[in-house]
């Protein structure tokens, strides 16, 4: 089968709405894109095209394809095409007769009412039951139901009504009894009809109401004022088929209450009921089980216009059709319709032979489910009964079942992610509290360092001051040395003048001069050392000041971080 419903995964946000509404869990596959995002793709081999995800998806990720573009392309190419319109066309298009006229102008050869095919379908069901005895059968106007049975519930094929759907009954009637001699298109309210047409090859195009409307809007189509109707003769109660229980009401009108007819509709109910049907004893089953995929019937089908009337507006229209069919002046026509069918139609022409398309379900063991629960972080009964539904499953067991099958991932469990975030938050809080204690210690130690640095700066200032005083003392020594040297020089001159008597004084003068020279040399060396020490002290002073400023800034920054952490922990 071709893929009718598809994904635009770029638009998928992993909200799980599609998983939540899908009656086939294995038709959805949740996975991680490696960027922390959960995506859900469709598993087409297991999809029955019930269309629930199309309605549920609010982000444009799920969409479907039909044959609208190919239909109009073939019309423009001159291909001979006749069509039939489902009864729901009357509730979806207020101006459906003008729509018909526009289609005729494009080249549509003839237009038939599926209400007639629905009457044939009712007739065929009654005649089949009368011929084969009142054995339990499931009606099959709905292709999503047929897909479900052919793919997932092969055990129900023996109960699936062999009578064609109203659309296929119409197609058979057009081809075999009216001999339209053209390709056949369906104006349809149903996405899944594409599968039915593909399987039976009786209809060539599925043109859904929604895609037809979109085509008309894109091409700015203006409908003509002229109207035209159907080419076939008037139908009986077949126009009631689009509403829930339409087949049941039609059968009971023609056959009375001679056998039991039950009904069910809506994807969240009907597939569950079919499961119960498969398990129920035969003696408890109805002769006819009238089932529809769509909750409100075909009038609000998966391919209908989204702005269709409310349920009650549609019910009013359906009741008008009902009353028109059973009113006194029409009742005889309705009663005579089956006589006409008996005279002109052959039951075997409207019988379908089914081909199962089983897709094996993924097998799992209790051990695998237990492993899945552990992967989900669910170790006790309380956590396994949490069942918030955020993952799209009805309960935690179903989620574990999906994880065990490999069609879902633990990251898609909201409770698991919440617990992990809570755990990470607690760890972060503990870390912050530990950091706060560390900040307090660091602040205390930094304050001590800051105080010590203050003392060092103060001591360095005293050292600098002392060296300055020492420089002044060296200068004084140099001046004294110079004066002593002058005095010694003068003493030498006087000693020379004294002759023999001044020799001893000359020796003293010489020693004084040597002492002055030695003092001058020492002063010079001391001055050079003092200058070098001054340069070193300046460098040390600069470094000490830089360290002092850095310690002050670090202290202030740590104080700010500590205060902010304290405020966060108080929230």
Protein backbone atom coordinates (compact mmCIF):
# COMPACT_ATOMS: atom_id res chain seq x y z
CA UNK A 1 0.00 0.00 0.00
CA UNK A 2 1.18 3.52 -0.68
CA UNK A 3 1.82 5.88 2.20
CA UNK A 4 -1.29 8.05 2.54
CA UNK A 5 -0.55 9.72 5.88
CA UNK A 6 2.98 11.10 6.19
CA UNK A 7 5.20 13.15 8.50
CA UNK A 8 6.98 16.48 8.31
CA UNK A 9 9.37 15.72 11.16
CA UNK A 10 10.83 19.23 11.14
CA UNK A 11 7.47 20.39 12.50
CA UNK A 12 7.11 17.62 15.08
CA UNK A 13 7.65 18.84 18.65
CA UNK A 14 7.14 15.48 20.35
CA UNK A 15 3.89 16.48 22.07
CA UNK A 16 2.57 12.87 21.75
CA UNK A 17 -0.94 13.97 20.72
CA UNK A 18 -0.73 11.58 17.76
CA UNK A 19 0.28 8.71 20.05
CA UNK A 20 -2.55 9.53 22.43
CA UNK A 21 -5.32 9.32 19.81
CA UNK A 22 -3.98 6.51 17.63
CA UNK A 23 -5.79 3.18 18.17
CA UNK A 24 -2.73 1.28 16.90
CA UNK A 25 0.21 1.83 19.27
CA UNK A 26 2.71 0.22 16.93
CA UNK A 27 1.76 2.69 14.19
CA UNK A 28 3.82 5.41 15.91
CA UNK A 29 7.54 5.37 16.61
CA UNK A 30 9.04 7.82 19.13
CA UNK A 31 12.78 8.54 18.90
CA UNK A 32 15.36 11.14 19.84
CA UNK A 33 16.94 13.31 17.16
CA UNK A 34 20.20 13.49 19.11
CA UNK A 35 19.64 17.13 20.00
CA UNK A 36 17.50 16.50 23.06
CA UNK A 37 14.23 16.53 21.05
CA UNK A 38 11.70 13.68 20.92
CA UNK A 39 10.10 13.11 17.51
CA UNK A 40 7.24 10.78 16.57
CA UNK A 41 7.10 9.30 13.08
CA UNK A 42 4.38 7.19 11.55
CA UNK A 43 4.93 3.49 10.88
CA UNK A 44 3.00 3.24 7.62
CA UNK A 45 3.01 -0.55 7.40
CA UNK A 46 0.83 -0.66 10.53
CA UNK A 47 -1.23 2.49 9.97
CA UNK A 48 -4.91 1.89 9.13
CA UNK A 49 -5.43 5.53 8.00
CA UNK A 50 -8.01 6.23 10.69
CA UNK A 51 -6.92 9.89 10.43
CA UNK A 52 -7.02 10.58 14.17
CA UNK A 53 -3.50 12.02 14.13
CA UNK A 54 -4.44 14.45 11.34
CA UNK A 55 -7.01 16.05 13.60
CA UNK A 56 -4.86 15.84 16.72
CA UNK A 57 -1.65 17.35 15.31
CA UNK A 58 -1.61 21.11 15.90
CA UNK A 59 1.81 21.69 14.38
CA UNK A 60 1.39 20.58 10.77
CA UNK A 61 3.58 17.51 11.14
CA UNK A 62 0.91 15.02 10.00
CA UNK A 63 -0.72 15.39 6.61
CA UNK A 64 -2.16 13.18 3.88
CA UNK A 65 -2.15 12.83 0.12
CA UNK A 66 -5.03 11.93 -2.17
CA UNK A 67 -5.59 11.98 -5.95
CA UNK A 68 -6.96 15.51 -6.40
CA UNK A 69 -4.01 16.88 -8.40
CA UNK A 70 -3.86 13.79 -10.63
CA UNK A 71 -7.63 13.95 -11.18
CA UNK A 72 -7.53 17.54 -12.45
CA UNK A 73 -4.38 16.89 -14.47
CA UNK A 74 -6.06 13.98 -16.26
CA UNK A 75 -9.19 16.03 -16.84
CA UNK A 76 -7.11 18.76 -18.49
CA UNK A 77 -5.44 16.07 -20.63
CA UNK A 78 -8.80 14.93 -21.95
CA UNK A 79 -9.09 11.65 -20.00
CA UNK A 80 -12.71 10.47 -19.87
CA UNK A 81 -13.82 10.54 -16.23
CA UNK A 82 -17.13 10.00 -14.49
CA UNK A 83 -17.50 10.46 -10.78
CA UNK A 84 -19.70 9.70 -7.84
CA UNK A 85 -20.21 11.84 -4.76
CA UNK A 86 -20.65 10.59 -1.22
CA UNK A 87 -23.87 11.66 0.53
CA UNK A 88 -21.72 13.77 2.88
CA UNK A 89 -21.20 16.18 -0.03
CA UNK A 90 -24.56 17.68 0.95
CA UNK A 91 -23.39 18.56 4.47
CA UNK A 92 -19.94 19.74 3.37
CA UNK A 93 -20.93 21.90 0.38
CA UNK A 94 -23.94 24.19 0.59
CA UNK A 95 -23.60 24.79 -3.15
CA UNK A 96 -22.78 21.21 -4.19
CA UNK A 97 -25.03 21.40 -7.26
CA UNK A 98 -23.07 24.41 -8.56
CA UNK A 99 -19.92 22.44 -7.80
CA UNK A 100 -21.25 19.63 -9.99
CA UNK A 101 -21.89 22.07 -12.84
CA UNK A 102 -18.34 23.41 -12.61
CA UNK A 103 -16.93 19.87 -12.75
CA UNK A 104 -19.05 19.12 -15.81
CA UNK A 105 -17.64 22.18 -17.56
CA UNK A 106 -14.15 20.75 -16.95
CA UNK A 107 -15.11 17.55 -18.73
CA UNK A 108 -16.61 15.21 -16.11
CA UNK A 109 -18.82 12.84 -18.07
CA UNK A 110 -21.45 11.93 -15.45
CA UNK A 111 -22.05 12.26 -11.71
CA UNK A 112 -23.67 9.59 -9.54
CA UNK A 113 -25.01 9.69 -6.00
CA UNK A 114 -23.44 7.17 -3.61
CA UNK A 115 -26.77 7.18 -1.77
CA UNK A 116 -27.89 4.81 -4.52
CA UNK A 117 -24.85 2.61 -3.82
CA UNK A 118 -25.76 2.74 -0.13
CA UNK A 119 -29.24 1.45 -0.93
CA UNK A 120 -27.65 -1.33 -2.97
CA UNK A 121 -25.33 -2.04 -0.02
CA UNK A 122 -28.32 -2.33 2.34
CA UNK A 123 -30.14 -4.57 -0.14
CA UNK A 124 -27.06 -6.78 -0.56
CA UNK A 125 -26.57 -7.12 3.23
CA UNK A 126 -30.16 -8.21 3.75
CA UNK A 127 -30.10 -10.63 0.82
CA UNK A 128 -26.74 -12.06 1.91
CA UNK A 129 -28.02 -12.68 5.46
CA UNK A 130 -31.22 -14.21 4.10
CA UNK A 131 -29.24 -16.44 1.76
CA UNK A 132 -26.53 -17.57 4.19
CA UNK A 133 -28.42 -17.45 7.48
CA UNK A 134 -28.15 -14.97 10.34
CA UNK A 135 -24.47 -15.43 11.12
CA UNK A 136 -22.55 -12.59 12.82
CA UNK A 137 -21.08 -10.16 10.29
CA UNK A 138 -19.30 -6.82 10.58
CA UNK A 139 -20.37 -4.17 8.11
CA UNK A 140 -17.57 -2.73 5.99
CA UNK A 141 -18.58 0.67 4.59
CA UNK A 142 -15.57 2.04 6.49
CA UNK A 143 -12.14 1.31 4.91
CA UNK A 144 -10.20 2.13 8.10
CA UNK A 145 -12.10 -0.71 9.81
CA UNK A 146 -11.32 -3.04 6.92
CA UNK A 147 -7.63 -2.05 7.05
CA UNK A 148 -7.57 -2.77 10.78
CA UNK A 149 -9.01 -6.25 10.31
CA UNK A 150 -6.83 -7.11 7.29
CA UNK A 151 -3.62 -5.94 9.03
CA UNK A 152 -4.15 -6.45 12.75
CA UNK A 153 -7.22 -8.69 13.31
CA UNK A 154 -7.11 -11.42 10.69
CA UNK A 155 -9.26 -13.59 12.94
CA UNK A 156 -12.20 -11.26 12.22
CA UNK A 157 -12.02 -11.64 8.43
CA UNK A 158 -14.49 -14.53 8.64
CA UNK A 159 -16.99 -12.08 10.16
CA UNK A 160 -16.24 -9.16 7.82
CA UNK A 161 -19.18 -8.57 5.52
CA UNK A 162 -18.31 -9.57 1.96
CA UNK A 163 -20.67 -6.90 0.63
CA UNK A 164 -18.87 -3.97 -0.99
CA UNK A 165 -19.01 -0.54 0.60
CA UNK A 166 -21.59 1.94 -0.76
CA UNK A 167 -18.89 3.63 -2.86
CA UNK A 168 -17.75 0.36 -4.41
CA UNK A 169 -21.36 -0.72 -4.92
CA UNK A 170 -21.82 2.56 -6.81
CA UNK A 171 -18.67 1.91 -8.88
CA UNK A 172 -19.84 -1.62 -9.74
CA UNK A 173 -23.27 -0.29 -10.68
CA UNK A 174 -21.76 2.45 -12.88
CA UNK A 175 -19.41 0.06 -14.67
CA UNK A 176 -21.53 -3.06 -15.03
CA UNK A 177 -25.08 -1.75 -15.17
CA UNK A 178 -24.74 1.79 -16.49
CA UNK A 179 -21.63 1.05 -18.59
CA UNK A 180 -20.23 4.56 -18.16
CA UNK A 181 -17.09 3.53 -20.04
CA UNK A 182 -14.80 5.95 -18.23
CA UNK A 183 -12.41 6.14 -15.34
CA UNK A 184 -14.20 6.68 -12.05
CA UNK A 185 -13.41 9.34 -9.47
CA UNK A 186 -14.85 9.59 -5.98
CA UNK A 187 -15.78 12.84 -4.26
CA UNK A 188 -15.03 11.49 -0.85
CA UNK A 189 -15.06 12.46 2.85
CA UNK A 190 -12.50 9.77 3.69
CA UNK A 191 -8.70 9.58 3.55
CA UNK A 192 -8.66 5.77 3.94
CA UNK A 193 -10.76 5.27 0.79
CA UNK A 194 -7.50 5.51 -1.17
CA UNK A 195 -6.53 2.11 0.27
CA UNK A 196 -9.91 0.60 -0.59
CA UNK A 197 -9.71 1.84 -4.17
CA UNK A 198 -6.13 0.60 -4.51
CA UNK A 199 -7.05 -2.86 -3.19
CA UNK A 200 -10.12 -3.36 -5.42
CA UNK A 201 -9.10 -1.32 -8.51
CA UNK A 202 -12.73 -0.32 -9.03
CA UNK A 203 -12.15 3.43 -8.53
CA UNK A 204 -9.29 5.44 -10.03
CA UNK A 205 -9.25 8.65 -7.97
CA UNK A 206 -9.96 9.55 -4.36
CA UNK A 207 -10.74 13.29 -4.37
CA UNK A 208 -11.42 14.31 -0.78
CA UNK A 209 -13.60 17.29 0.08
CA UNK A 210 -10.76 19.00 1.93
CA UNK A 211 -8.18 18.70 -0.87
CA UNK A 212 -10.81 19.69 -3.45
CA UNK A 213 -11.58 22.84 -1.45
CA UNK A 214 -7.86 23.65 -1.14
CA UNK A 215 -7.43 23.18 -4.89
CA UNK A 216 -10.32 25.53 -5.60
CA UNK A 217 -8.93 28.15 -3.22
CA UNK A 218 -5.41 27.95 -4.71
CA UNK A 219 -6.80 28.38 -8.21
CA UNK A 220 -9.36 31.08 -7.29
CA UNK A 221 -12.23 28.99 -8.67
CA UNK A 222 -15.56 30.83 -9.00
CA UNK A 223 -18.49 28.44 -9.20
CA UNK A 224 -21.05 29.06 -11.95
CA UNK A 225 -24.53 30.21 -11.01
CA UNK A 226 -26.03 27.31 -12.92
CA UNK A 227 -26.72 24.09 -11.00
CA UNK A 228 -26.90 20.45 -11.98
CA UNK A 229 -27.82 17.29 -10.09
CA UNK A 230 -27.08 13.58 -10.27
CA UNK A 231 -27.40 11.41 -13.34
CA UNK A 232 -28.87 8.38 -11.56
CA UNK A 233 -32.41 7.86 -10.35
CA UNK A 234 -33.51 8.86 -6.88
CA UNK A 235 -32.20 6.91 -3.89
CA UNK A 236 -34.06 5.64 -0.84
CA UNK A 237 -32.59 5.75 2.67
CA UNK A 238 -28.98 5.51 1.45
CA UNK A 239 -28.47 9.22 2.12
CA UNK A 240 -28.47 8.36 5.86
CA UNK A 241 -25.27 6.31 5.61
CA UNK A 242 -22.96 9.25 6.46
CA UNK A 243 -24.45 9.50 9.95
CA UNK A 244 -23.57 7.08 12.77
CA UNK A 245 -25.84 4.05 12.64
CA UNK A 246 -27.00 4.88 9.11
CA UNK A 247 -26.66 1.30 7.90
CA UNK A 248 -28.42 0.02 11.02
CA UNK A 249 -31.35 2.37 10.46
CA UNK A 250 -31.61 1.47 6.78
CA UNK A 251 -31.49 -2.27 7.43
CA UNK A 252 -34.09 -2.03 10.18
CA UNK A 253 -36.34 0.07 7.93
CA UNK A 254 -36.33 -2.57 5.19
CA UNK A 255 -36.01 -5.75 7.30
CA UNK A 256 -37.64 -4.70 10.56
CA UNK A 257 -36.37 -6.08 13.86
CA UNK A 258 -36.10 -9.66 12.68
CA UNK A 259 -32.39 -9.76 13.58
CA UNK A 260 -30.19 -7.82 15.98
CA UNK A 261 -28.08 -4.92 14.70
CA UNK A 262 -25.53 -3.24 17.01
CA UNK A 263 -23.42 -0.22 16.20
CA UNK A 264 -20.21 1.48 17.32
CA UNK A 265 -18.22 4.47 16.08
CA UNK A 266 -15.22 6.60 16.95
CA UNK A 267 -11.55 5.52 16.93
CA UNK A 268 -11.22 5.45 20.71
CA UNK A 269 -14.21 3.10 20.97
CA UNK A 270 -14.74 1.08 17.84
CA UNK A 271 -11.34 -0.66 17.78
CA UNK A 272 -11.68 -1.58 21.43
CA UNK A 273 -15.16 -2.95 20.64
CA UNK A 274 -13.73 -4.99 17.76
CA UNK A 275 -11.27 -6.49 20.24
CA UNK A 276 -14.14 -7.44 22.51
CA UNK A 277 -16.02 -8.76 19.45
CA UNK A 278 -13.06 -11.06 18.68
CA UNK A 279 -13.13 -12.49 22.23
CA UNK A 280 -16.91 -12.78 22.65
CA UNK A 281 -18.79 -16.09 22.23
CA UNK A 282 -20.57 -16.28 18.89
CA UNK A 283 -23.98 -16.60 20.53
CA UNK A 284 -23.57 -13.14 22.08
CA UNK A 285 -22.69 -11.37 18.81
CA UNK A 286 -25.23 -9.37 16.78
CA UNK A 287 -26.18 -10.53 13.31
CA UNK A 288 -24.88 -7.21 11.98
CA UNK A 289 -22.32 -5.01 13.69
CA UNK A 290 -22.51 -1.54 12.09
CA UNK A 291 -19.14 0.15 12.71
CA UNK A 292 -17.64 3.48 11.66
CA UNK A 293 -14.18 4.88 12.31
CA UNK A 294 -15.29 8.51 12.61
CA UNK A 295 -17.17 9.56 15.74
CA UNK A 296 -19.66 11.73 13.85
CA UNK A 297 -19.80 9.51 10.82
CA UNK A 298 -18.79 10.36 7.27
CA UNK A 299 -20.28 13.86 7.46
CA UNK A 300 -17.23 14.79 9.55
CA UNK A 301 -14.83 12.28 8.02
CA UNK A 302 -11.06 12.50 7.87
CA UNK A 303 -11.14 14.12 4.41
CA UNK A 304 -13.97 16.56 5.11
CA UNK A 305 -13.80 20.34 5.10
CA UNK A 306 -12.63 21.43 8.52
CA UNK A 307 -15.23 24.19 8.74
CA UNK A 308 -18.17 21.83 8.44
CA UNK A 309 -21.39 22.43 10.33
CA UNK A 310 -21.83 21.50 13.96
CA UNK A 311 -23.08 18.03 14.89
CA UNK A 312 -26.60 19.34 15.46
CA UNK A 313 -26.72 21.22 12.15
CA UNK A 314 -25.71 18.01 10.38
CA UNK A 315 -28.31 16.04 12.34
CA UNK A 316 -31.00 18.46 11.18
CA UNK A 317 -29.98 17.92 7.54
CA UNK A 318 -29.89 14.15 8.01
CA UNK A 319 -33.34 14.17 9.61
CA UNK A 320 -34.69 16.20 6.69
CA UNK A 321 -33.37 13.51 4.33
CA UNK A 322 -34.83 10.79 6.55
CA UNK A 323 -38.26 12.39 6.63
CA UNK A 324 -38.20 12.96 2.89
CA UNK A 325 -37.38 9.27 2.30
CA UNK A 326 -40.18 7.90 4.49
CA UNK A 327 -42.89 10.46 3.84
CA UNK A 328 -46.10 8.97 2.51
CA UNK A 329 -45.75 10.01 -1.14
CA UNK A 330 -42.18 8.61 -1.28
CA UNK A 331 -42.58 5.53 0.89
CA UNK A 332 -43.95 3.38 -1.88
CA UNK A 333 -40.96 4.30 -4.06
CA UNK A 334 -38.59 3.28 -1.28
CA UNK A 335 -40.43 -0.01 -0.81
CA UNK A 336 -40.39 -0.70 -4.55
CA UNK A 337 -36.64 0.01 -4.76
CA UNK A 338 -35.67 -3.41 -3.44
CA UNK A 339 -38.02 -5.07 -5.87
CA UNK A 340 -36.22 -3.26 -8.67
CA UNK A 341 -32.86 -4.37 -7.29
CA UNK A 342 -34.07 -7.98 -7.11
CA UNK A 343 -35.09 -7.79 -10.74
CA UNK A 344 -32.00 -6.05 -12.13
CA UNK A 345 -29.04 -6.70 -9.84
CA UNK A 346 -27.00 -9.83 -9.10
CA UNK A 347 -25.78 -10.20 -5.52
CA UNK A 348 -22.47 -11.77 -6.57
CA UNK A 349 -21.52 -8.60 -8.46
CA UNK A 350 -21.35 -6.73 -5.16
CA UNK A 351 -19.29 -9.25 -3.19
CA UNK A 352 -15.67 -8.59 -2.25
CA UNK A 353 -12.91 -11.11 -1.61
CA UNK A 354 -10.39 -10.02 1.01
CA UNK A 355 -6.63 -10.45 0.93
CA UNK A 356 -5.06 -10.42 4.42
CA UNK A 357 -2.05 -8.14 4.91
CA UNK A 358 -0.79 -9.31 8.31
CA UNK A 359 2.06 -7.38 9.89
CA UNK A 360 3.51 -9.37 12.80
CA UNK A 361 3.30 -7.63 16.14
CA UNK A 362 6.59 -7.08 17.97
CA UNK A 363 6.95 -9.87 20.54
CA UNK A 364 8.09 -9.07 24.06
CA UNK A 365 8.51 -10.97 27.31
CA UNK A 366 7.72 -10.06 30.93
CA UNK A 367 11.47 -9.74 31.46
CA UNK A 368 11.64 -7.12 28.69
CA UNK A 369 8.78 -5.19 30.28
CA UNK A 370 10.60 -5.30 33.62
CA UNK A 371 13.74 -3.97 31.94
CA UNK A 372 11.64 -1.21 30.40
CA UNK A 373 10.21 -0.24 33.80
CA UNK A 374 13.75 -0.01 35.19
CA UNK A 375 14.84 2.10 32.21
CA UNK A 376 11.88 4.37 33.00
CA UNK A 377 13.06 4.68 36.61
CA UNK A 378 9.95 2.91 37.91
CA UNK A 379 10.91 0.44 40.62
CA UNK A 380 7.77 0.16 42.77
CA UNK A 381 4.01 -0.16 42.37
CA UNK A 382 3.36 3.50 43.16
CA UNK A 383 5.65 4.77 40.39
CA UNK A 384 4.32 2.15 37.95
CA UNK A 385 0.75 3.26 38.61
CA UNK A 386 1.53 6.97 38.13
CA UNK A 387 -0.04 7.00 34.62
CA UNK A 388 0.04 10.74 33.83
CA UNK A 389 -0.61 10.11 30.12
CA UNK A 390 1.92 12.73 28.94
CA UNK A 391 3.70 10.08 26.86
CA UNK A 392 0.48 9.42 24.94
CA UNK A 393 -0.17 6.07 26.64
CA UNK A 394 -3.16 5.32 28.83
CA UNK A 395 -0.97 4.04 31.66
CA UNK A 396 2.63 3.32 32.66
CA UNK A 397 2.30 -0.35 31.75
CA UNK A 398 1.46 0.60 28.16
CA UNK A 399 4.49 2.90 28.10
CA UNK A 400 6.74 0.12 29.40
CA UNK A 401 5.18 -2.15 26.77
CA UNK A 402 6.10 0.37 24.05
CA UNK A 403 9.62 0.87 25.37
CA UNK A 404 10.10 -2.91 25.47
CA UNK A 405 8.95 -3.11 21.85
CA UNK A 406 11.39 -0.37 20.86
CA UNK A 407 8.72 1.99 19.55
CA UNK A 408 9.11 4.50 22.37
CA UNK A 409 12.00 5.79 24.47
CA UNK A 410 12.42 6.45 28.21
CA UNK A 411 13.17 10.12 27.46
CA UNK A 412 9.54 10.45 26.37
CA UNK A 413 8.34 9.74 29.93
CA UNK A 414 7.46 13.06 31.57
CA UNK A 415 7.67 11.58 35.08
CA UNK A 416 11.15 10.19 34.43
CA UNK A 417 12.36 13.50 33.03
CA UNK A 418 10.72 15.37 35.94
CA UNK A 419 12.44 13.08 38.46
CA UNK A 420 15.78 13.50 36.73
CA UNK A 421 15.41 17.28 36.65
CA UNK A 422 14.39 17.25 40.33
CA UNK A 423 17.41 15.10 41.15
CA UNK A 424 19.72 17.38 39.18
CA UNK A 425 18.19 20.39 40.91
CA UNK A 426 18.76 18.79 44.32
CA UNK A 427 22.34 18.00 43.38
CA UNK A 428 22.83 21.54 42.13
CA UNK A 429 21.33 22.87 45.37
CA UNK A 430 23.64 20.70 47.46
CA UNK A 431 26.57 21.82 45.35
CA UNK A 432 25.52 25.45 45.77
CA UNK A 433 25.24 25.00 49.53
CA UNK A 434 28.68 23.40 49.61
CA UNK A 435 29.97 26.20 47.42
CA UNK A 436 28.43 28.72 49.81
CA UNK A 437 30.32 27.15 52.70
CA UNK A 438 33.45 27.22 50.59
CA UNK A 439 32.78 30.85 49.73
CA UNK A 440 32.55 31.68 53.42
CA UNK A 441 35.88 29.94 54.07
CA UNK A 442 37.50 31.63 51.08
CA UNK A 443 36.11 35.00 52.16
CA UNK A 444 37.55 34.52 55.64
CA UNK A 445 40.94 33.46 54.31
CA UNK A 446 40.94 36.20 51.69
CA UNK A 447 40.15 38.75 54.38
CA UNK A 448 43.19 37.51 56.34
CA UNK A 449 45.34 37.76 53.24
CA UNK A 450 43.95 41.24 52.61
CA UNK A 451 44.90 42.28 56.16
CA UNK A 452 48.40 40.79 55.82
CA UNK A 453 48.84 42.57 52.52
CA UNK A 454 47.91 45.79 54.29
CA UNK A 455 50.63 45.15 56.86
CA UNK A 456 53.15 44.37 54.13
CA UNK A 457 52.29 47.58 52.29
CA UNK A 458 52.69 49.50 55.55
CA UNK A 459 56.07 47.80 56.29
CA UNK A 460 57.26 48.45 52.75
CA UNK A 461 56.43 52.10 53.21
CA UNK A 462 58.57 52.11 56.41
CA UNK A 463 61.42 50.35 54.58
CA UNK A 464 61.20 52.87 51.77
CA UNK A 465 61.28 55.68 54.33
CA UNK A 466 64.28 54.11 56.11
CA UNK A 467 66.22 53.75 52.84
CA UNK A 468 65.51 57.41 52.09
CA UNK A 469 66.96 58.33 55.52
CA UNK A 470 69.91 56.07 54.83
CA UNK A 471 70.52 57.87 51.52
CA UNK A 472 70.61 61.17 53.37
CA UNK A 473 73.14 59.76 55.88
CA UNK A 474 75.37 58.60 52.99
CA UNK A 475 75.23 62.08 51.53
CA UNK A 476 76.25 63.55 54.89
CA UNK A 477 79.17 61.09 55.11
CA UNK A 478 80.29 62.12 51.64
CA UNK A 479 80.25 65.78 52.67
CA UNK A 480 82.15 65.02 55.93
CA UNK A 481 84.67 62.91 54.01
CA UNK A 482 85.27 65.77 51.63
CA UNK A 483 85.85 68.20 54.56
CA UNK A 484 88.15 65.74 56.39
CA UNK A 485 90.13 65.26 53.21
CA UNK A 486 90.58 69.05 52.90
CA UNK A 487 91.64 69.27 56.55
CA UNK A 488 94.13 66.41 56.07
CA UNK A 489 95.54 68.11 53.00
CA UNK A 490 96.04 71.38 54.90
CA UNK A 491 97.64 69.44 57.79
CA UNK A 492 100.16 67.86 55.37
CA UNK A 493 101.15 71.25 54.03
CA UNK A 494 101.71 72.56 57.57
CA UNK A 495 103.67 69.46 58.52
CA UNK A 496 105.97 69.94 55.52
CA UNK A 497 106.60 73.50 56.59
CA UNK A 498 107.56 72.34 60.11
CA UNK A 499 110.34 70.21 58.76
CA UNK A 500 111.80 67.63 61.09
CA UNK A 501 109.37 68.65 63.80
CA UNK A 502 106.35 68.07 61.61
CA UNK A 503 107.15 64.53 60.54
CA UNK A 504 104.92 62.92 63.17
CA UNK A 505 102.10 65.33 62.41
CA UNK A 506 102.53 64.56 58.69
CA UNK A 507 102.06 60.86 59.39
CA UNK A 508 98.84 61.66 61.25
CA UNK A 509 97.66 63.93 58.44
CA UNK A 510 98.34 61.16 55.92
CA UNK A 511 96.28 58.65 57.91
CA UNK A 512 93.45 61.16 58.21
CA UNK A 513 93.52 61.68 54.47
CA UNK A 514 93.49 57.89 53.89
CA UNK A 515 90.55 57.61 56.27
CA UNK A 516 88.69 60.37 54.38
CA UNK A 517 89.37 58.64 51.09
CA UNK A 518 88.25 55.30 52.47
CA UNK A 519 85.09 56.91 53.85
CA UNK A 520 84.39 58.49 50.47
CA UNK A 521 84.88 55.13 48.72
CA UNK A 522 82.61 53.37 51.23
CA UNK A 523 80.01 56.11 50.86
CA UNK A 524 80.13 55.74 47.07
CA UNK A 525 79.72 51.96 47.28
CA UNK A 526 76.96 52.37 49.82
CA UNK A 527 75.23 54.88 47.58
CA UNK A 528 75.39 52.49 44.59
CA UNK A 529 74.01 49.68 46.76
CA UNK A 530 71.33 52.01 48.09
CA UNK A 531 70.31 53.01 44.56
CA UNK A 532 70.03 49.36 43.55
CA UNK A 533 68.05 48.64 46.72
CA UNK A 534 65.80 51.60 45.96
CA UNK A 535 65.06 50.27 42.48
CA UNK A 536 64.34 46.81 43.91
CA UNK A 537 62.15 48.28 46.63
CA UNK A 538 60.17 50.25 44.04
CA UNK A 539 59.64 47.06 42.03
CA UNK A 540 58.60 45.20 45.16
CA UNK A 541 56.29 48.08 46.13
CA UNK A 542 54.63 47.98 42.71
CA UNK A 543 54.16 44.19 42.85
CA UNK A 544 52.86 44.35 46.42
CA UNK A 545 50.34 47.06 45.46
CA UNK A 546 49.16 45.01 42.45
CA UNK A 547 48.74 41.92 44.62
CA UNK A 548 46.93 43.99 47.22
CA UNK A 549 44.48 45.36 44.60
CA UNK A 550 43.91 41.86 43.17
CA UNK A 551 43.17 40.47 46.62
CA UNK A 552 40.68 43.29 47.24
CA UNK A 553 38.90 42.68 43.91
CA UNK A 554 38.79 38.90 44.50
CA UNK A 555 37.34 39.46 47.93
CA UNK A 556 34.61 41.73 46.52
CA UNK A 557 33.77 39.29 43.67
CA UNK A 558 33.60 36.30 45.99
CA UNK A 559 31.37 38.31 48.32
CA UNK A 560 28.96 39.10 45.43
CA UNK A 561 28.85 35.45 44.25
CA UNK A 562 28.31 34.26 47.81
CA UNK A 563 25.42 36.68 48.32
CA UNK A 564 23.76 35.74 45.00
CA UNK A 565 24.07 32.02 45.80
CA UNK A 566 22.53 32.64 49.21
CA UNK A 567 19.56 34.46 47.60
CA UNK A 568 19.01 31.63 45.07
CA UNK A 569 18.97 29.03 47.83
CA UNK A 570 16.35 31.06 49.73
CA UNK A 571 13.88 30.99 46.77
